[in-house]
């Protein structure tokens, strides 16, 4: 990854995280943490990795809410970035935090049995 795409990814992460926290009023979009954003080399697409606390149904509902807000978020990104093209954003569910909690629980259970 080039420095340019890394910088664009961080900018997109900040803009999307702030907009989700402050401006989005969709009731489906809650308990969301924006983990990171990866921008393609041609700056045409960006994957925004999010973590949603809750069960699978809540996570899928939240992703649908985020997808319905894509236009609004891209407008915010266009205002916050000084580029010719605004990357088209796709939301991806990041399971890393959930996996960390699961591993911690398993380790705690093992420690109790010893």
C-alpha atoms as a PDB file:
ATOM      1  CA  UNK A   1       0.000   0.000   0.000  1.00  0.00           C
ATOM      2  CA  UNK A   2       1.222   3.451  -0.813  1.00  0.00           C
ATOM      3  CA  UNK A   3       1.362   6.312   1.620  1.00  0.00           C
ATOM      4  CA  UNK A   4      -1.399   8.030  -0.342  1.00  0.00           C
ATOM      5  CA  UNK A   5      -3.864   5.156   0.043  1.00  0.00           C
ATOM      6  CA  UNK A   6      -2.999   4.739   3.737  1.00  0.00           C
ATOM      7  CA  UNK A   7      -3.645   8.430   4.356  1.00  0.00           C
ATOM      8  CA  UNK A   8      -6.903   8.304   2.400  1.00  0.00           C
ATOM      9  CA  UNK A   9      -7.990   5.226   4.356  1.00  0.00           C
ATOM     10  CA  UNK A  10      -7.341   6.925   7.694  1.00  0.00           C
ATOM     11  CA  UNK A  11      -9.226  10.028   6.572  1.00  0.00           C
ATOM     12  CA  UNK A  12     -12.197   7.922   5.463  1.00  0.00           C
ATOM     13  CA  UNK A  13     -12.138   6.016   8.767  1.00  0.00           C
ATOM     14  CA  UNK A  14     -12.242   9.260  10.758  1.00  0.00           C
ATOM     15  CA  UNK A  15     -15.019  10.828   8.686  1.00  0.00           C
ATOM     16  CA  UNK A  16     -17.218   7.714   8.730  1.00  0.00           C
ATOM     17  CA  UNK A  17     -16.679   7.115  12.461  1.00  0.00           C
ATOM     18  CA  UNK A  18     -17.590  10.709  13.313  1.00  0.00           C
ATOM     19  CA  UNK A  19     -20.655  10.683  11.066  1.00  0.00           C
ATOM     20  CA  UNK A  20     -21.914   7.394  12.552  1.00  0.00           C
ATOM     21  CA  UNK A  21     -21.403   8.675  16.080  1.00  0.00           C
ATOM     22  CA  UNK A  22     -22.906  12.142  15.655  1.00  0.00           C
ATOM     23  CA  UNK A  23     -25.032  12.508  12.530  1.00  0.00           C
ATOM     24  CA  UNK A  24     -26.669   9.227  11.499  1.00  0.00           C
ATOM     25  CA  UNK A  25     -30.143   8.925  12.991  1.00  0.00           C
ATOM     26  CA  UNK A  26     -30.969   5.449  11.647  1.00  0.00           C
ATOM     27  CA  UNK A  27     -32.084   3.285  14.611  1.00  0.00           C
ATOM     28  CA  UNK A  28     -30.478   0.213  13.007  1.00  0.00           C
ATOM     29  CA  UNK A  29     -27.031   1.812  13.225  1.00  0.00           C
ATOM     30  CA  UNK A  30     -25.909   1.578  16.851  1.00  0.00           C
ATOM     31  CA  UNK A  31     -23.101  -0.026  18.838  1.00  0.00           C
ATOM     32  CA  UNK A  32     -20.813   0.326  15.799  1.00  0.00           C
ATOM     33  CA  UNK A  33     -17.042   0.791  15.915  1.00  0.00           C
ATOM     34  CA  UNK A  34     -15.165   1.670  12.740  1.00  0.00           C
ATOM     35  CA  UNK A  35     -11.987  -0.416  12.871  1.00  0.00           C
ATOM     36  CA  UNK A  36     -10.191   0.604   9.696  1.00  0.00           C
ATOM     37  CA  UNK A  37     -10.646   1.574   6.055  1.00  0.00           C
ATOM     38  CA  UNK A  38      -8.686   0.210   3.115  1.00  0.00           C
ATOM     39  CA  UNK A  39      -8.601   2.132  -0.151  1.00  0.00           C
ATOM     40  CA  UNK A  40      -7.812   0.475  -3.468  1.00  0.00           C
ATOM     41  CA  UNK A  41      -4.751   1.604  -5.393  1.00  0.00           C
ATOM     42  CA  UNK A  42      -6.814   3.468  -7.997  1.00  0.00           C
ATOM     43  CA  UNK A  43      -8.780   5.275  -5.237  1.00  0.00           C
ATOM     44  CA  UNK A  44     -12.089   4.065  -6.710  1.00  0.00           C
ATOM     45  CA  UNK A  45     -13.264   1.810  -3.872  1.00  0.00           C
ATOM     46  CA  UNK A  46     -12.812   1.620  -0.121  1.00  0.00           C
ATOM     47  CA  UNK A  47     -13.632  -1.148   2.330  1.00  0.00           C
ATOM     48  CA  UNK A  48     -14.711   0.149   5.713  1.00  0.00           C
ATOM     49  CA  UNK A  49     -14.313  -2.512   8.402  1.00  0.00           C
ATOM     50  CA  UNK A  50     -16.798  -2.193  11.257  1.00  0.00           C
ATOM     51  CA  UNK A  51     -17.401  -4.101  14.457  1.00  0.00           C
ATOM     52  CA  UNK A  52     -20.958  -4.386  15.746  1.00  0.00           C
ATOM     53  CA  UNK A  53     -21.697  -5.541  19.275  1.00  0.00           C
ATOM     54  CA  UNK A  54     -24.591  -7.981  19.442  1.00  0.00           C
ATOM     55  CA  UNK A  55     -25.804 -11.170  17.853  1.00  0.00           C
ATOM     56  CA  UNK A  56     -25.698 -12.001  14.152  1.00  0.00           C
ATOM     57  CA  UNK A  57     -29.199 -10.637  13.513  1.00  0.00           C
ATOM     58  CA  UNK A  58     -28.285  -7.274  15.018  1.00  0.00           C
ATOM     59  CA  UNK A  59     -25.036  -7.199  13.035  1.00  0.00           C
ATOM     60  CA  UNK A  60     -26.822  -7.875   9.723  1.00  0.00           C
ATOM     61  CA  UNK A  61     -29.477  -5.267  10.511  1.00  0.00           C
ATOM     62  CA  UNK A  62     -26.767  -2.722  11.303  1.00  0.00           C
ATOM     63  CA  UNK A  63     -24.946  -3.489   8.026  1.00  0.00           C
ATOM     64  CA  UNK A  64     -28.192  -2.902   6.101  1.00  0.00           C
ATOM     65  CA  UNK A  65     -28.585   0.424   7.899  1.00  0.00           C
ATOM     66  CA  UNK A  66     -25.021   1.410   7.041  1.00  0.00           C
ATOM     67  CA  UNK A  67     -25.531   0.461   3.391  1.00  0.00           C
ATOM     68  CA  UNK A  68     -28.622   2.653   3.242  1.00  0.00           C
ATOM     69  CA  UNK A  69     -26.509   5.572   4.569  1.00  0.00           C
ATOM     70  CA  UNK A  70     -23.764   5.086   1.968  1.00  0.00           C
ATOM     71  CA  UNK A  71     -24.787   8.096  -0.141  1.00  0.00           C
ATOM     72  CA  UNK A  72     -24.794  10.415   2.861  1.00  0.00           C
ATOM     73  CA  UNK A  73     -21.419   9.101   4.022  1.00  0.00           C
ATOM     74  CA  UNK A  74     -19.870   9.475   0.562  1.00  0.00           C
ATOM     75  CA  UNK A  75     -21.028  13.098   0.515  1.00  0.00           C
ATOM     76  CA  UNK A  76     -19.303  13.638   3.880  1.00  0.00           C
ATOM     77  CA  UNK A  77     -16.143  11.972   2.528  1.00  0.00           C
ATOM     78  CA  UNK A  78     -16.212  14.171  -0.596  1.00  0.00           C
ATOM     79  CA  UNK A  79     -16.304  17.295   1.585  1.00  0.00           C
ATOM     80  CA  UNK A  80     -13.512  16.022   3.838  1.00  0.00           C
ATOM     81  CA  UNK A  81     -11.087  14.776   1.193  1.00  0.00           C
ATOM     82  CA  UNK A  82      -9.263  16.751  -1.462  1.00  0.00           C
ATOM     83  CA  UNK A  83      -9.286  14.194  -4.275  1.00  0.00           C
ATOM     84  CA  UNK A  84     -10.622  14.057  -7.794  1.00  0.00           C
ATOM     85  CA  UNK A  85     -12.665  10.914  -7.145  1.00  0.00           C
ATOM     86  CA  UNK A  86     -14.573   9.900  -4.074  1.00  0.00           C
ATOM     87  CA  UNK A  87     -14.086   6.202  -3.369  1.00  0.00           C
ATOM     88  CA  UNK A  88     -17.220   4.065  -3.385  1.00  0.00           C
ATOM     89  CA  UNK A  89     -17.466   2.623   0.118  1.00  0.00           C
ATOM     90  CA  UNK A  90     -18.406  -0.930   1.043  1.00  0.00           C
ATOM     91  CA  UNK A  91     -18.962  -2.009   4.636  1.00  0.00           C
ATOM     92  CA  UNK A  92     -17.356  -5.228   5.855  1.00  0.00           C
ATOM     93  CA  UNK A  93     -18.035  -6.828   9.215  1.00  0.00           C
ATOM     94  CA  UNK A  94     -14.772  -7.264  11.135  1.00  0.00           C
ATOM     95  CA  UNK A  95     -14.910 -10.327  13.371  1.00  0.00           C
ATOM     96  CA  UNK A  96     -11.556  -9.618  15.041  1.00  0.00           C
ATOM     97  CA  UNK A  97     -12.969  -8.086  18.231  1.00  0.00           C
ATOM     98  CA  UNK A  98     -15.554 -10.857  18.567  1.00  0.00           C
ATOM     99  CA  UNK A  99     -12.851 -13.503  18.117  1.00  0.00           C
ATOM    100  CA  UNK A 100     -10.649 -11.828  20.738  1.00  0.00           C
ATOM    101  CA  UNK A 101     -13.481 -11.906  23.272  1.00  0.00           C
ATOM    102  CA  UNK A 102     -14.131 -15.574  22.499  1.00  0.00           C
ATOM    103  CA  UNK A 103     -10.460 -16.505  22.953  1.00  0.00           C
ATOM    104  CA  UNK A 104     -10.314 -14.561  26.230  1.00  0.00           C
ATOM    105  CA  UNK A 105     -13.380 -16.424  27.499  1.00  0.00           C
ATOM    106  CA  UNK A 106     -11.914 -19.803  26.525  1.00  0.00           C
ATOM    107  CA  UNK A 107      -8.616 -18.981  28.241  1.00  0.00           C
ATOM    108  CA  UNK A 108     -10.429 -17.817  31.388  1.00  0.00           C
ATOM    109  CA  UNK A 109     -12.451 -21.050  31.447  1.00  0.00           C
ATOM    110  CA  UNK A 110      -9.274 -23.132  31.060  1.00  0.00           C
ATOM    111  CA  UNK A 111      -7.574 -21.235  33.849  1.00  0.00           C
ATOM    112  CA  UNK A 112     -10.498 -21.960  36.199  1.00  0.00           C
ATOM    113  CA  UNK A 113     -10.326 -25.700  35.507  1.00  0.00           C
ATOM    114  CA  UNK A 114      -6.600 -25.896  36.337  1.00  0.00           C
END
